Protein backbone atom coordinates (compact mmCIF):
# COMPACT_ATOMS: atom_id res chain seq x y z
CA MET A 1 36.84 -59.66 20.93
CA ALA A 2 36.72 -56.23 18.63
CA THR A 3 40.33 -53.95 18.64
CA SER A 4 39.89 -50.23 19.32
CA SER A 5 40.74 -49.99 15.22
CA ASP A 6 38.21 -52.49 13.92
CA THR A 7 35.63 -50.13 15.69
CA SER A 8 36.96 -46.72 14.29
CA GLU A 9 37.11 -48.75 11.06
CA GLN A 10 33.53 -49.16 11.28
CA ASN A 11 32.13 -45.68 12.48
CA VAL A 12 34.02 -44.42 9.48
CA LYS A 13 32.24 -47.05 7.11
CA SER A 14 28.80 -46.00 8.86
CA ARG A 15 29.67 -42.16 8.26
CA ARG A 16 30.10 -43.23 4.43
CA PRO A 17 27.47 -41.01 2.30
CA ALA A 18 25.15 -44.23 0.17
CA GLU A 19 26.92 -44.78 -3.01
CA SER A 20 23.79 -42.93 -5.12
CA ALA A 21 24.65 -40.92 -8.04
CA PHE A 22 23.09 -37.87 -5.53
CA LYS A 23 24.67 -38.27 -2.43
CA GLN A 24 27.86 -39.29 -4.49
CA GLN A 25 27.16 -35.40 -5.94
CA ARG A 26 26.84 -37.56 -9.89
CA LEU A 27 23.94 -36.11 -10.75
CA PRO A 28 24.09 -33.91 -14.11
CA ALA A 29 24.25 -30.66 -14.03
CA TRP A 30 24.67 -27.55 -16.22
CA GLN A 31 27.83 -25.29 -15.68
CA PRO A 32 27.22 -22.33 -17.48
CA ILE A 33 30.97 -20.95 -19.04
CA LEU A 34 30.54 -17.23 -19.06
CA THR A 35 32.08 -15.65 -21.95
CA ALA A 36 31.73 -12.32 -23.44
CA GLY A 37 30.38 -14.58 -26.35
CA THR A 38 27.45 -15.24 -23.78
CA VAL A 39 26.91 -12.54 -21.58
CA LEU A 40 27.91 -9.23 -23.70
CA PRO A 41 24.49 -9.73 -25.59
CA THR A 42 22.45 -10.53 -22.80
CA PHE A 43 23.87 -7.23 -21.30
CA PHE A 44 22.25 -5.34 -24.65
CA VAL A 45 19.14 -7.01 -24.95
CA ILE A 46 18.49 -6.53 -21.35
CA GLY A 47 18.57 -2.96 -21.87
CA ILE A 48 16.89 -2.91 -25.44
CA ALA A 49 14.20 -4.46 -23.76
CA PHE A 50 14.03 -2.57 -20.65
CA ILE A 51 14.59 1.04 -22.06
CA PRO A 52 10.89 1.16 -24.16
CA VAL A 53 9.14 -0.61 -20.91
CA GLY A 54 10.15 2.31 -19.17
CA ILE A 55 9.56 4.80 -21.54
CA GLY A 56 5.99 3.11 -21.80
CA LEU A 57 5.38 3.07 -18.07
CA LEU A 58 6.55 6.58 -17.49
CA TYR A 59 4.01 7.77 -20.54
CA PHE A 60 1.29 5.60 -18.15
CA SER A 61 2.29 7.58 -15.43
CA ASP A 62 2.36 10.62 -16.79
CA GLU A 63 -0.97 10.59 -18.46
CA VAL A 64 -2.60 10.41 -14.47
CA LYS A 65 -3.71 13.71 -13.76
CA GLU A 66 -3.48 14.11 -9.80
CA HIS A 67 -4.58 17.49 -7.94
CA VAL A 68 -3.29 17.13 -4.14
CA ILE A 69 -4.08 19.74 -1.10
CA ASP A 70 -2.59 19.72 2.14
CA TYR A 71 -4.99 20.80 4.52
CA THR A 72 -3.05 19.79 8.08
CA TYR A 73 -2.80 23.34 8.99
CA CYS A 74 -6.21 24.23 7.92
CA MET A 75 -7.97 27.86 9.60
CA LYS A 76 -11.01 27.04 10.80
CA ASP A 77 -13.70 28.23 9.76
CA ASP A 78 -14.33 32.17 11.46
CA MET A 79 -11.48 32.06 13.99
CA ASN A 80 -7.97 33.08 13.30
CA VAL A 81 -6.58 29.39 14.74
CA THR A 82 -5.76 25.82 13.09
CA CYS A 83 -8.31 22.86 13.33
CA ALA A 84 -4.77 21.32 14.61
CA ASP A 85 -4.42 23.32 17.63
CA PHE A 86 -8.54 23.91 18.31
CA LEU A 87 -8.64 19.97 18.52
CA LYS A 88 -6.14 19.84 21.19
CA ASN A 89 -8.27 21.85 23.77
CA ASN A 90 -11.66 20.85 21.90
CA THR A 91 -11.39 17.07 21.46
CA GLU A 92 -15.48 16.03 21.43
CA GLU A 93 -16.37 19.60 19.04
CA ILE A 94 -15.66 18.68 15.62
CA CYS A 95 -13.56 22.11 13.73
CA THR A 96 -14.99 23.21 10.15
CA CYS A 97 -12.66 24.48 7.34
CA HIS A 98 -13.21 25.51 4.31
CA LEU A 99 -9.96 25.61 1.00
CA PRO A 100 -10.56 27.07 -2.18
CA PHE A 101 -8.94 26.17 -4.96
CA ASN A 102 -8.44 25.66 -8.84
CA LEU A 103 -8.16 22.51 -11.18
CA THR A 104 -6.50 24.44 -14.24
CA GLU A 105 -7.47 21.05 -16.69
CA ASP A 106 -10.07 18.80 -16.78
CA PHE A 107 -9.96 15.43 -15.19
CA LYS A 108 -11.63 13.51 -17.14
CA GLY A 109 -12.45 9.59 -17.09
CA GLU A 110 -12.52 7.82 -14.19
CA VAL A 111 -12.02 10.31 -10.57
CA TYR A 112 -11.17 9.34 -7.39
CA PHE A 113 -10.87 10.94 -4.37
CA TYR A 114 -7.74 9.62 -1.97
CA TYR A 115 -6.96 11.13 1.78
CA GLY A 116 -2.76 10.66 2.30
CA LEU A 117 -0.89 10.12 5.23
CA THR A 118 2.47 10.96 5.76
CA ASN A 119 4.65 9.63 9.48
CA TYR A 120 2.14 7.02 9.97
CA TYR A 121 3.61 3.43 10.62
CA GLN A 122 0.90 1.50 10.02
CA ASN A 123 3.86 -1.31 9.58
CA HIS A 124 4.55 -1.67 13.54
CA ARG A 125 4.34 -5.13 14.41
CA ARG A 126 2.26 -4.32 17.53
CA TYR A 127 0.02 -2.02 15.18
CA VAL A 128 -0.35 -4.55 12.43
CA LYS A 129 -1.80 -7.41 14.87
CA SER A 130 -4.21 -5.21 17.21
CA ARG A 131 -7.10 -6.98 15.37
CA ASP A 132 -9.63 -10.08 15.91
CA ASP A 133 -10.34 -11.39 12.43
CA ASN A 134 -13.13 -14.21 13.86
CA GLN A 135 -14.54 -10.91 14.97
CA LEU A 136 -14.15 -9.14 11.57
CA LEU A 137 -15.47 -12.48 9.95
CA GLY A 138 -18.92 -11.71 12.28
CA ARG A 139 -18.23 -14.84 14.72
CA LEU A 140 -18.81 -12.60 17.86
CA SER A 141 -17.55 -13.57 20.90
CA LEU A 142 -17.73 -11.74 24.61
CA THR A 143 -14.56 -12.55 25.02
CA PRO A 144 -12.02 -10.85 22.01
CA SER A 145 -8.55 -12.20 20.68
CA SER A 146 -5.30 -11.21 23.39
CA ASP A 147 -3.90 -9.03 19.97
CA CYS A 148 -7.07 -6.59 20.89
CA ASP A 149 -5.44 -5.36 24.31
CA PRO A 150 -5.66 -2.92 25.59
CA PHE A 151 -8.42 -2.01 22.65
CA ALA A 152 -10.36 -4.90 24.10
CA ARG A 153 -12.44 -3.86 25.78
CA ALA A 154 -14.07 0.19 27.54
CA GLU A 155 -16.59 0.92 29.78
CA GLU A 156 -20.28 2.62 28.25
CA ASN A 157 -22.32 3.46 30.90
CA GLY A 158 -20.19 2.27 33.65
CA VAL A 159 -19.98 -1.49 32.73
CA MET A 160 -16.98 -2.75 30.96
CA LYS A 161 -17.69 -4.30 27.81
CA PRO A 162 -16.13 -5.56 24.72
CA ILE A 163 -15.28 -3.48 21.71
CA ALA A 164 -16.44 -3.84 17.76
CA PRO A 165 -14.25 -3.65 16.25
CA CYS A 166 -11.51 -4.30 18.53
CA GLY A 167 -7.46 -3.11 18.00
CA ALA A 168 -5.42 -0.34 17.88
CA ILE A 169 -6.12 -0.17 13.50
CA ALA A 170 -10.11 -0.16 14.28
CA ASN A 171 -9.73 1.93 17.20
CA SER A 172 -7.62 4.69 14.51
CA LEU A 173 -10.28 4.62 11.72
CA PHE A 174 -9.45 7.73 9.76
CA ASN A 175 -12.69 9.64 10.29
CA ASP A 176 -12.47 13.87 8.88
CA THR A 177 -14.95 14.36 6.46
CA LEU A 178 -13.97 15.58 2.75
CA THR A 179 -16.58 17.62 0.54
CA LEU A 180 -15.80 18.50 -2.54
CA HIS A 181 -18.34 21.80 -3.59
CA SER A 182 -17.58 22.96 -7.35
CA VAL A 183 -18.52 26.66 -7.46
CA GLU A 184 -19.44 27.01 -10.92
CA SER A 185 -22.76 24.18 -10.36
CA ASN A 186 -22.86 25.69 -6.50
CA GLY A 187 -23.62 21.75 -5.51
CA ASP A 188 -21.13 19.31 -4.32
CA VAL A 189 -19.37 17.10 -6.41
CA PRO A 190 -21.54 13.72 -6.34
CA VAL A 191 -20.13 10.77 -4.80
CA LEU A 192 -20.19 7.01 -3.96
CA ARG A 193 -18.83 5.05 -0.45
CA THR A 194 -19.25 2.09 -1.89
CA GLY A 195 -16.65 0.46 -4.81
CA ILE A 196 -13.69 1.34 -2.55
CA ALA A 197 -12.52 -1.71 -1.34
CA TRP A 198 -11.35 -5.24 -2.61
CA ALA A 199 -14.14 -6.99 -3.76
CA SER A 200 -11.91 -10.39 -2.24
CA ASP A 201 -11.94 -8.45 1.02
CA LYS A 202 -15.17 -7.42 1.35
CA ARG A 203 -16.10 -11.03 0.22
CA THR A 204 -13.93 -13.50 2.74
CA LYS A 205 -12.40 -11.44 4.82
CA PHE A 206 -15.38 -8.97 6.77
CA ARG A 207 -19.35 -10.05 7.33
CA ASN A 208 -21.55 -9.32 9.23
CA PRO A 209 -23.38 -11.11 11.79
CA GLU A 210 -26.96 -12.23 11.58
CA GLY A 211 -29.57 -10.12 11.85
CA ASN A 212 -30.25 -6.69 13.09
CA LEU A 213 -27.02 -5.26 13.95
CA GLU A 214 -27.62 -2.99 16.48
CA GLU A 215 -28.92 -6.02 17.98
CA ALA A 216 -26.94 -8.08 17.19
CA PHE A 217 -23.74 -5.65 18.37
CA ALA A 218 -25.62 -4.55 22.33
CA ASN A 219 -23.16 -6.06 24.39
CA PHE A 220 -20.28 -4.38 22.62
CA THR A 221 -19.64 -1.07 22.46
CA LYS A 222 -17.88 1.14 20.49
CA PRO A 223 -13.96 2.02 20.03
CA VAL A 224 -12.61 4.30 22.52
CA ASN A 225 -12.19 7.38 19.60
CA TRP A 226 -15.27 6.47 16.99
CA ARG A 227 -17.90 9.12 17.47
CA VAL A 228 -20.74 6.80 16.24
CA ASN A 229 -21.64 3.28 16.23
CA ILE A 230 -20.47 0.80 13.66
CA TRP A 231 -24.07 0.46 12.55
CA GLN A 232 -23.95 3.73 12.76
CA LEU A 233 -20.92 4.35 9.94
CA ASP A 234 -22.94 4.76 6.89
CA PRO A 235 -26.30 6.06 7.50
CA GLY A 236 -27.69 6.44 3.91
CA ASN A 237 -26.81 2.68 3.06
CA PRO A 238 -28.31 0.02 5.28
CA ASP A 239 -25.95 -2.44 3.82
CA ASN A 240 -22.49 -0.29 4.16
CA ASN A 241 -22.76 -0.77 7.65
CA GLY A 242 -21.00 -2.83 10.30
CA PHE A 243 -17.83 -5.18 10.02
CA GLN A 244 -18.54 -4.56 5.97
CA ASN A 245 -18.39 -1.16 6.33
CA GLU A 246 -16.27 0.18 2.90
CA ASP A 247 -14.44 2.68 4.77
CA LEU A 248 -12.91 0.26 7.80
CA ILE A 249 -12.43 -2.13 5.50
CA VAL A 250 -10.24 -0.10 3.27
CA TRP A 251 -8.42 1.37 6.52
CA MET A 252 -7.85 -2.39 8.07
CA ARG A 253 -6.00 -2.91 4.81
CA THR A 254 -2.61 -1.71 7.06
CA ALA A 255 0.12 0.03 4.75
CA ALA A 256 3.95 -1.02 4.26
CA LEU A 257 5.27 2.72 4.47
CA PRO A 258 4.89 5.54 6.79
CA THR A 259 4.00 7.23 3.77
CA PHE A 260 0.96 6.04 2.26
CA ARG A 261 -2.91 6.96 0.59
CA LYS A 262 -6.16 5.07 1.08
CA LEU A 263 -9.26 5.27 -1.19
CA TYR A 264 -11.33 7.63 0.32
CA ARG A 265 -14.25 7.98 -2.64
CA ARG A 266 -15.02 7.79 -5.85
CA VAL A 267 -16.89 10.30 -8.18
CA ASP A 268 -20.60 9.31 -8.75
CA HIS A 269 -19.78 9.95 -13.30
CA SER A 270 -23.61 9.21 -13.68
CA GLN A 271 -25.34 12.43 -11.98
CA VAL A 272 -25.49 15.57 -14.89
CA GLY A 273 -22.49 17.67 -15.30
CA PHE A 274 -19.99 14.52 -14.03
CA GLY A 275 -20.32 11.73 -16.83
CA GLY A 276 -17.03 12.69 -18.90
CA GLY A 277 -14.68 13.43 -15.39
CA LEU A 278 -14.24 17.19 -13.35
CA VAL A 279 -14.37 20.24 -15.79
CA LYS A 280 -11.30 22.65 -14.40
CA GLY A 281 -12.58 25.73 -12.74
CA PRO A 282 -12.69 26.98 -8.73
CA TYR A 283 -13.70 23.98 -6.57
CA ILE A 284 -13.65 24.30 -2.79
CA LEU A 285 -12.61 21.39 -0.38
CA LYS A 286 -14.39 21.48 2.82
CA VAL A 287 -13.48 19.07 5.93
CA ASP A 288 -14.44 18.27 9.10
CA TYR A 289 -11.32 17.95 11.51
CA ASN A 290 -11.70 15.07 12.74
CA TYR A 291 -8.16 13.14 12.83
CA PRO A 292 -4.83 15.11 14.51
CA VAL A 293 -1.51 14.09 12.51
CA VAL A 294 0.53 16.36 14.09
CA ASP A 295 1.71 15.17 17.69
CA PHE A 296 3.75 13.28 15.26
CA HIS A 297 4.78 15.04 13.17
CA GLY A 298 2.41 13.51 10.10
CA THR A 299 0.70 14.96 7.58
CA LYS A 300 -3.05 14.93 5.89
CA SER A 301 -4.34 15.65 2.31
CA PHE A 302 -6.64 15.45 0.43
CA ILE A 303 -6.09 13.68 -3.40
CA ILE A 304 -7.95 14.06 -6.69
CA SER A 305 -6.72 12.05 -9.26
CA THR A 306 -7.46 10.14 -12.22
CA THR A 307 -6.68 6.78 -13.64
CA SER A 308 -5.11 4.53 -16.37
CA LEU A 309 -4.41 1.58 -17.52
CA LEU A 310 -1.58 0.84 -15.28
CA GLY A 311 -3.41 2.37 -12.35
CA GLY A 312 -2.89 5.35 -10.51
CA LYS A 313 0.35 8.18 -10.91
CA ASN A 314 3.54 5.64 -9.71
CA PRO A 315 6.68 6.88 -11.80
CA PHE A 316 9.32 4.73 -9.48
CA LEU A 317 8.89 1.80 -12.09
CA GLY A 318 9.64 3.47 -15.16
CA VAL A 319 12.36 5.33 -13.65
CA ALA A 320 13.98 2.00 -12.44
CA TYR A 321 13.38 0.08 -15.85
CA VAL A 322 15.05 3.66 -18.04
CA VAL A 323 17.82 3.22 -15.01
CA VAL A 324 18.57 -0.62 -15.40
CA GLY A 325 18.47 -0.83 -19.19
CA THR A 326 20.84 2.31 -19.37
CA LEU A 327 23.33 0.69 -17.17
CA CYS A 328 23.01 -2.91 -18.40
CA LEU A 329 23.37 -0.73 -21.94
CA LEU A 330 26.68 1.06 -20.69
CA LEU A 331 28.34 -1.76 -19.10
CA GLY A 332 27.91 -3.96 -22.39
CA ILE A 333 29.46 -1.02 -24.33
CA VAL A 334 32.13 -0.62 -21.87
CA LEU A 335 32.51 -4.88 -21.22
CA LEU A 336 32.56 -4.49 -25.69
CA VAL A 337 35.42 -2.31 -25.81
CA ILE A 338 37.55 -4.17 -23.33
CA HIS A 339 37.12 -7.25 -24.61
CA VAL A 340 37.96 -5.47 -28.53
CA ARG A 341 41.36 -4.21 -26.89
CA CYS A 342 42.18 -6.62 -24.26
CA SER A 343 41.20 -10.21 -25.74
CA LYS A 344 43.38 -12.66 -27.37
CA SER A 345 43.24 -14.00 -31.22
CA THR A 346 41.98 -17.86 -30.78
CA THR A 347 44.61 -18.54 -32.40
CA GLU A 348 47.31 -16.67 -29.58
CA MET A 349 45.33 -18.95 -27.05
CA ILE A 350 45.54 -22.55 -29.88
CA ASN A 351 49.63 -22.05 -29.59
CA VAL A 352 50.57 -21.39 -26.42
CA ASN A 353 53.68 -23.08 -25.17
CA PRO A 354 56.51 -22.68 -22.12
CA ARG A 355 58.33 -20.27 -23.99
CA THR A 356 54.96 -17.88 -24.18
CA PRO A 357 55.80 -14.24 -21.88
CA TYR A 358 53.02 -13.68 -19.79
CA SER A 359 51.43 -10.77 -20.64
């Protein structure tokens, strides 16, 4: 009969890790010994490498020309009232305003138009989830995803119908119309409504149902806040309608921060007078003001911008590289001075004995 002591010994033995190099922690490992000779060169290398990279990034960012027009409180044509106030009492009407401005320098090369919004939290968890990806792939169902609630169904002519596209993201689609008018040429700047969305998004994430779009969406209704049906988003280009409308695709890619801008149009440089970009001079921004932002203390802006080898204007990355590189150089110099003045020599460290003073 086994005693309690024998049982306890067996339990102890059973808990012993297996006799392997991994479980007994005998695997070979590299344990760096941080000394002044290894740490100081690292600081100097990082500093010397980062500062030129940061200067290069700042240079490319500075090469980008940009003009920003805030039109949040633009005045309604022929009325002494802002469009923001006008829409509060006339939600079904369109408010039009004109904002004259001057470009003080030529915008050479490819020119892009953006719209910018502030204090707009597209990164809210429920907002980001409020979509039906199967529906956006053209797989129409009369029962939209529950993630779309409460923007899954709406009443049309007394009948409840599923919404396409459903969800809060699609329902809040940006719908201001922004047109740039050139005073010198007395005509609107020609723009392209396509080529503004990510090719991967249009190719893999958004698909139209087969057949005629109007017939395919006959059993569906438009989102509550939309003024037109999904097959009417771009009347001039049938290929840019439905779920493959690029304005919709751009909007559905939610922004990570509350202040963001999204690509709106590309200048058509194939047209006469615009081959080299936008020339300096007087322009007028014509706005069909539909999108309310004042209620949540947001702002709207229209941005004209060129691009560089590294994309749009973004000085943050360059500044970050310069700051990190400078700090590494300063730390390297400070630590080098401390090492030279306070470190022990090799001879002193070898000749240590019990009588060596603690200092």
